[in-house]
Amino acid sequence: MNDVAFTITLGGLLNTILIIVAIVAIIFLIILLAKVAKSLSTLPQTMAHVEKVMGDIEAITGVAKDGAEGAKAVVTKASAALTGIKQATDENRGQVRAAASLVNAVTGLVSLLKKK
């Protein structure tokens, strides 16, 4: 009978493994390039969307800035008004006490008249 013998050398085995790895790497690179090409095809639409969003952000920032400036003006006016009221009450403290005493006296008198 015919005996068939296969001789495998270490160099031949390494070459076979390297060829298989190279084929797998080429298939992986082809798939990766296909995905990159697909992503690049939608890039102009994405950039247009990004430009629109950036425009919206600029508008929102402007509105927020105007609102903050308006609020600052209101707070400044309210602070000035409260400062004026405080100064007026500090300057007229004696008169305010006198008016309060007068009101209390009138109230007491009215309550006495109601009892009779």
N, C-alpha and C. Protein backbone atom coordinates (compact mmCIF):
# COMPACT_ATOMS: atom_id res chain seq x y z
N MET A 1 0.81 -1.15 0.00
CA MET A 1 0.00 0.00 0.00
C MET A 1 0.88 1.24 0.00
N ASN A 2 0.22 2.31 -0.40
CA ASN A 2 0.96 3.57 -0.45
C ASN A 2 0.82 4.29 0.89
N ASP A 3 1.91 4.52 1.47
CA ASP A 3 1.93 5.28 2.71
C ASP A 3 2.18 6.75 2.35
N VAL A 4 1.31 7.58 2.85
CA VAL A 4 1.44 9.00 2.60
C VAL A 4 1.91 9.65 3.90
N ALA A 5 2.96 10.38 3.82
CA ALA A 5 3.49 11.05 5.01
C ALA A 5 3.54 12.55 4.75
N PHE A 6 3.11 13.28 5.73
CA PHE A 6 3.16 14.74 5.65
C PHE A 6 4.24 15.22 6.62
N THR A 7 5.03 16.08 6.09
CA THR A 7 6.07 16.65 6.93
C THR A 7 5.74 18.12 7.14
N ILE A 8 5.62 18.49 8.40
CA ILE A 8 5.30 19.88 8.73
C ILE A 8 6.51 20.46 9.44
N THR A 9 6.98 21.54 8.86
CA THR A 9 8.11 22.21 9.49
C THR A 9 7.60 23.42 10.27
N LEU A 10 8.41 23.87 11.19
CA LEU A 10 8.03 25.02 12.00
C LEU A 10 7.88 26.27 11.14
N GLY A 11 8.73 26.46 10.17
CA GLY A 11 8.64 27.61 9.27
C GLY A 11 7.36 27.57 8.44
N GLY A 12 7.00 26.40 7.94
CA GLY A 12 5.77 26.26 7.16
C GLY A 12 4.55 26.54 8.00
N LEU A 13 4.54 26.06 9.25
CA LEU A 13 3.42 26.30 10.16
C LEU A 13 3.27 27.79 10.47
N LEU A 14 4.39 28.47 10.73
CA LEU A 14 4.35 29.90 11.00
C LEU A 14 3.87 30.69 9.78
N ASN A 15 4.31 30.30 8.60
CA ASN A 15 3.85 30.97 7.37
C ASN A 15 2.34 30.81 7.20
N THR A 16 1.81 29.64 7.46
CA THR A 16 0.38 29.38 7.34
C THR A 16 -0.39 30.24 8.34
N ILE A 17 0.08 30.32 9.57
CA ILE A 17 -0.59 31.13 10.59
C ILE A 17 -0.56 32.60 10.19
N LEU A 18 0.58 33.08 9.70
CA LEU A 18 0.69 34.48 9.28
C LEU A 18 -0.25 34.79 8.12
N ILE A 19 -0.39 33.87 7.20
CA ILE A 19 -1.31 34.08 6.06
C ILE A 19 -2.75 34.17 6.56
N ILE A 20 -3.13 33.30 7.48
CA ILE A 20 -4.49 33.32 8.02
C ILE A 20 -4.73 34.64 8.77
N VAL A 21 -3.77 35.07 9.58
CA VAL A 21 -3.91 36.33 10.33
C VAL A 21 -4.00 37.50 9.35
N ALA A 22 -3.23 37.47 8.27
CA ALA A 22 -3.26 38.55 7.28
C ALA A 22 -4.63 38.61 6.59
N ILE A 23 -5.21 37.47 6.28
CA ILE A 23 -6.52 37.43 5.63
C ILE A 23 -7.58 37.99 6.57
N VAL A 24 -7.54 37.61 7.85
CA VAL A 24 -8.49 38.13 8.84
C VAL A 24 -8.32 39.64 8.99
N ALA A 25 -7.07 40.11 9.02
CA ALA A 25 -6.81 41.55 9.17
C ALA A 25 -7.31 42.32 7.96
N ILE A 26 -7.16 41.78 6.78
CA ILE A 26 -7.64 42.45 5.57
C ILE A 26 -9.17 42.53 5.58
N ILE A 27 -9.84 41.45 6.00
CA ILE A 27 -11.30 41.46 6.09
C ILE A 27 -11.75 42.50 7.10
N PHE A 28 -11.07 42.56 8.26
CA PHE A 28 -11.40 43.55 9.28
C PHE A 28 -11.21 44.97 8.74
N LEU A 29 -10.13 45.24 8.05
CA LEU A 29 -9.88 46.56 7.49
C LEU A 29 -10.92 46.95 6.44
N ILE A 30 -11.36 45.98 5.63
CA ILE A 30 -12.40 46.27 4.63
C ILE A 30 -13.70 46.67 5.32
N ILE A 31 -14.08 45.94 6.37
CA ILE A 31 -15.30 46.28 7.11
C ILE A 31 -15.16 47.65 7.76
N LEU A 32 -14.00 47.91 8.34
CA LEU A 32 -13.75 49.21 8.98
C LEU A 32 -13.82 50.36 7.97
N LEU A 33 -13.23 50.19 6.82
CA LEU A 33 -13.28 51.23 5.78
C LEU A 33 -14.69 51.45 5.26
N ALA A 34 -15.47 50.39 5.18
CA ALA A 34 -16.87 50.54 4.75
C ALA A 34 -17.66 51.38 5.76
N LYS A 35 -17.42 51.12 7.06
CA LYS A 35 -18.10 51.92 8.08
C LYS A 35 -17.64 53.37 8.06
N VAL A 36 -16.36 53.60 7.85
CA VAL A 36 -15.84 54.96 7.78
C VAL A 36 -16.43 55.69 6.58
N ALA A 37 -16.52 55.01 5.45
CA ALA A 37 -17.09 55.63 4.25
C ALA A 37 -18.56 56.00 4.48
N LYS A 38 -19.29 55.13 5.16
CA LYS A 38 -20.69 55.42 5.47
C LYS A 38 -20.80 56.62 6.39
N SER A 39 -19.93 56.70 7.38
CA SER A 39 -19.93 57.84 8.30
C SER A 39 -19.57 59.13 7.58
N LEU A 40 -18.63 59.07 6.68
CA LEU A 40 -18.22 60.26 5.94
C LEU A 40 -19.32 60.76 5.00
N SER A 41 -20.18 59.86 4.56
CA SER A 41 -21.25 60.29 3.66
C SER A 41 -22.29 61.14 4.39
N THR A 42 -22.45 60.93 5.70
CA THR A 42 -23.42 61.72 6.47
C THR A 42 -22.77 62.94 7.12
N LEU A 43 -21.48 63.13 6.93
CA LEU A 43 -20.78 64.24 7.57
C LEU A 43 -21.32 65.62 7.17
N PRO A 44 -21.60 65.90 5.89
CA PRO A 44 -22.12 67.23 5.55
C PRO A 44 -23.45 67.55 6.25
N GLN A 45 -24.34 66.57 6.32
CA GLN A 45 -25.61 66.79 7.00
C GLN A 45 -25.39 67.04 8.50
N THR A 46 -24.48 66.30 9.09
CA THR A 46 -24.18 66.47 10.50
C THR A 46 -23.60 67.85 10.76
N MET A 47 -22.70 68.30 9.90
CA MET A 47 -22.09 69.62 10.08
C MET A 47 -23.13 70.72 9.92
N ALA A 48 -24.07 70.56 9.00
CA ALA A 48 -25.14 71.55 8.84
C ALA A 48 -25.99 71.61 10.11
N HIS A 49 -26.27 70.45 10.68
CA HIS A 49 -27.04 70.40 11.92
C HIS A 49 -26.26 71.07 13.06
N VAL A 50 -24.96 70.82 13.12
CA VAL A 50 -24.14 71.43 14.16
C VAL A 50 -24.14 72.95 14.02
N GLU A 51 -24.06 73.45 12.79
CA GLU A 51 -24.09 74.90 12.56
C GLU A 51 -25.41 75.50 13.03
N LYS A 52 -26.50 74.80 12.76
CA LYS A 52 -27.82 75.28 13.20
C LYS A 52 -27.90 75.31 14.72
N VAL A 53 -27.41 74.27 15.37
CA VAL A 53 -27.41 74.21 16.83
C VAL A 53 -26.55 75.32 17.41
N MET A 54 -25.40 75.59 16.81
CA MET A 54 -24.53 76.66 17.29
C MET A 54 -25.22 78.02 17.16
N GLY A 55 -25.96 78.23 16.09
CA GLY A 55 -26.72 79.46 15.92
C GLY A 55 -27.79 79.60 17.00
N ASP A 56 -28.47 78.50 17.30
CA ASP A 56 -29.48 78.51 18.36
C ASP A 56 -28.84 78.82 19.72
N ILE A 57 -27.67 78.25 19.95
CA ILE A 57 -26.98 78.49 21.22
C ILE A 57 -26.61 79.96 21.35
N GLU A 58 -26.16 80.57 20.25
CA GLU A 58 -25.82 82.00 20.29
C GLU A 58 -27.06 82.84 20.61
N ALA A 59 -28.19 82.49 20.01
CA ALA A 59 -29.43 83.23 20.28
C ALA A 59 -29.85 83.06 21.73
N ILE A 60 -29.80 81.85 22.25
CA ILE A 60 -30.18 81.59 23.63
C ILE A 60 -29.26 82.34 24.59
N THR A 61 -27.97 82.34 24.28
CA THR A 61 -27.01 83.05 25.12
C THR A 61 -27.31 84.54 25.15
N GLY A 62 -27.68 85.10 23.99
CA GLY A 62 -28.03 86.52 23.94
C GLY A 62 -29.25 86.83 24.77
N VAL A 63 -30.27 85.99 24.68
CA VAL A 63 -31.48 86.19 25.47
C VAL A 63 -31.18 86.08 26.97
N ALA A 64 -30.37 85.09 27.34
CA ALA A 64 -30.02 84.92 28.75
C ALA A 64 -29.23 86.12 29.25
N LYS A 65 -28.35 86.64 28.43
CA LYS A 65 -27.56 87.81 28.82
C LYS A 65 -28.47 89.02 29.03
N ASP A 66 -29.40 89.24 28.11
CA ASP A 66 -30.34 90.36 28.25
C ASP A 66 -31.20 90.20 29.51
N GLY A 67 -31.66 89.00 29.77
CA GLY A 67 -32.46 88.74 30.97
C GLY A 67 -31.67 88.99 32.24
N ALA A 68 -30.41 88.56 32.24
CA ALA A 68 -29.57 88.78 33.42
C ALA A 68 -29.32 90.26 33.64
N GLU A 69 -29.11 91.00 32.57
CA GLU A 69 -28.90 92.44 32.71
C GLU A 69 -30.16 93.13 33.22
N GLY A 70 -31.33 92.70 32.72
CA GLY A 70 -32.60 93.25 33.21
C GLY A 70 -32.81 92.95 34.68
N ALA A 71 -32.51 91.72 35.09
CA ALA A 71 -32.66 91.35 36.50
C ALA A 71 -31.70 92.16 37.37
N LYS A 72 -30.51 92.38 36.87
CA LYS A 72 -29.54 93.18 37.62
C LYS A 72 -30.07 94.60 37.82
N ALA A 73 -30.67 95.17 36.78
CA ALA A 73 -31.21 96.52 36.88
C ALA A 73 -32.35 96.57 37.90
N VAL A 74 -33.21 95.56 37.89
CA VAL A 74 -34.33 95.52 38.85
C VAL A 74 -33.80 95.42 40.28
N VAL A 75 -32.82 94.56 40.48
CA VAL A 75 -32.24 94.39 41.82
C VAL A 75 -31.57 95.69 42.27
N THR A 76 -30.89 96.36 41.37
CA THR A 76 -30.24 97.63 41.71
C THR A 76 -31.27 98.67 42.12
N LYS A 77 -32.37 98.77 41.36
CA LYS A 77 -33.42 99.74 41.69
C LYS A 77 -34.09 99.39 43.02
N ALA A 78 -34.35 98.12 43.25
CA ALA A 78 -34.98 97.71 44.51
C ALA A 78 -34.06 98.00 45.69
N SER A 79 -32.78 97.75 45.51
CA SER A 79 -31.82 98.03 46.57
C SER A 79 -31.76 99.52 46.87
N ALA A 80 -31.77 100.33 45.81
CA ALA A 80 -31.76 101.78 46.02
C ALA A 80 -33.02 102.24 46.74
N ALA A 81 -34.17 101.68 46.38
CA ALA A 81 -35.42 102.05 47.03
C ALA A 81 -35.41 101.66 48.50
N LEU A 82 -34.95 100.46 48.82
CA LEU A 82 -34.89 100.02 50.21
C LEU A 82 -33.89 100.85 51.01
N THR A 83 -32.80 101.22 50.38
CA THR A 83 -31.83 102.09 51.06
C THR A 83 -32.47 103.44 51.38
N GLY A 84 -33.24 103.99 50.44
CA GLY A 84 -33.93 105.25 50.67
C GLY A 84 -34.94 105.15 51.80
N ILE A 85 -35.69 104.07 51.85
CA ILE A 85 -36.67 103.86 52.91
C ILE A 85 -35.97 103.75 54.26
N LYS A 86 -34.87 103.02 54.30
CA LYS A 86 -34.12 102.87 55.55
C LYS A 86 -33.59 104.22 56.01
N GLN A 87 -33.04 105.00 55.10
CA GLN A 87 -32.53 106.32 55.48
C GLN A 87 -33.66 107.22 56.00
N ALA A 88 -34.81 107.17 55.34
CA ALA A 88 -35.95 108.00 55.77
C ALA A 88 -36.42 107.59 57.16
N THR A 89 -36.48 106.30 57.42
CA THR A 89 -36.92 105.86 58.74
C THR A 89 -35.87 106.17 59.80
N ASP A 90 -34.59 106.06 59.44
CA ASP A 90 -33.53 106.41 60.39
C ASP A 90 -33.57 107.90 60.74
N GLU A 91 -33.78 108.74 59.73
CA GLU A 91 -33.80 110.19 59.94
C GLU A 91 -35.04 110.63 60.71
N ASN A 92 -36.14 109.94 60.51
CA ASN A 92 -37.42 110.35 61.12
C ASN A 92 -37.85 109.39 62.21
N ARG A 93 -36.90 108.81 62.88
CA ARG A 93 -37.23 107.81 63.89
C ARG A 93 -38.11 108.41 65.00
N GLY A 94 -37.78 109.60 65.44
CA GLY A 94 -38.57 110.25 66.49
C GLY A 94 -39.98 110.55 66.02
N GLN A 95 -40.11 111.00 64.79
CA GLN A 95 -41.43 111.32 64.25
C GLN A 95 -42.27 110.05 64.08
N VAL A 96 -41.59 108.97 63.66
CA VAL A 96 -42.31 107.70 63.49
C VAL A 96 -42.80 107.20 64.83
N ARG A 97 -41.98 107.32 65.86
CA ARG A 97 -42.41 106.89 67.19
C ARG A 97 -43.56 107.75 67.69
N ALA A 98 -43.46 109.05 67.41
CA ALA A 98 -44.54 109.94 67.84
C ALA A 98 -45.84 109.58 67.13
N ALA A 99 -45.75 109.29 65.83
CA ALA A 99 -46.96 108.92 65.08
C ALA A 99 -47.52 107.61 65.60
N ALA A 100 -46.65 106.66 65.92
CA ALA A 100 -47.11 105.38 66.45
C ALA A 100 -47.77 105.58 67.81
N SER A 101 -47.20 106.44 68.63
CA SER A 101 -47.81 106.72 69.94
C SER A 101 -49.16 107.38 69.78
N LEU A 102 -49.27 108.30 68.83
CA LEU A 102 -50.54 108.97 68.57
C LEU A 102 -51.59 107.96 68.14
N VAL A 103 -51.19 107.06 67.23
CA VAL A 103 -52.14 106.03 66.75
C VAL A 103 -52.55 105.14 67.91
N ASN A 104 -51.63 104.77 68.78
CA ASN A 104 -51.98 103.94 69.93
C ASN A 104 -52.92 104.67 70.88
N ALA A 105 -52.65 105.96 71.06
CA ALA A 105 -53.52 106.75 71.95
C ALA A 105 -54.93 106.86 71.38
N VAL A 106 -55.02 107.11 70.08
CA VAL A 106 -56.33 107.21 69.44
C VAL A 106 -57.05 105.87 69.52
N THR A 107 -56.33 104.80 69.32
CA THR A 107 -56.93 103.47 69.40
C THR A 107 -57.43 103.20 70.81
N GLY A 108 -56.64 103.57 71.79
CA GLY A 108 -57.07 103.39 73.17
C GLY A 108 -58.30 104.22 73.50
N LEU A 109 -58.33 105.46 73.00
CA LEU A 109 -59.47 106.33 73.23
C LEU A 109 -60.72 105.76 72.56
N VAL A 110 -60.57 105.28 71.36
CA VAL A 110 -61.73 104.71 70.65
C VAL A 110 -62.25 103.49 71.40
N SER A 111 -61.35 102.68 71.92
CA SER A 111 -61.80 101.49 72.65
C SER A 111 -62.50 101.88 73.95
N LEU A 112 -62.03 102.95 74.59
CA LEU A 112 -62.71 103.42 75.81
C LEU A 112 -64.11 103.95 75.49
N LEU A 113 -64.23 104.70 74.38
CA LEU A 113 -65.52 105.24 73.98
C LEU A 113 -66.50 104.13 73.59
N LYS A 114 -66.00 103.08 73.03
CA LYS A 114 -66.89 101.97 72.65
C LYS A 114 -67.44 101.26 73.87
N LYS A 115 -66.68 101.20 74.93
CA LYS A 115 -67.12 100.50 76.15
C LYS A 115 -68.24 101.26 76.84
N LYS A 116 -68.26 102.55 76.72
CA LYS A 116 -69.29 103.37 77.40
C LYS A 116 -70.52 103.37 76.64
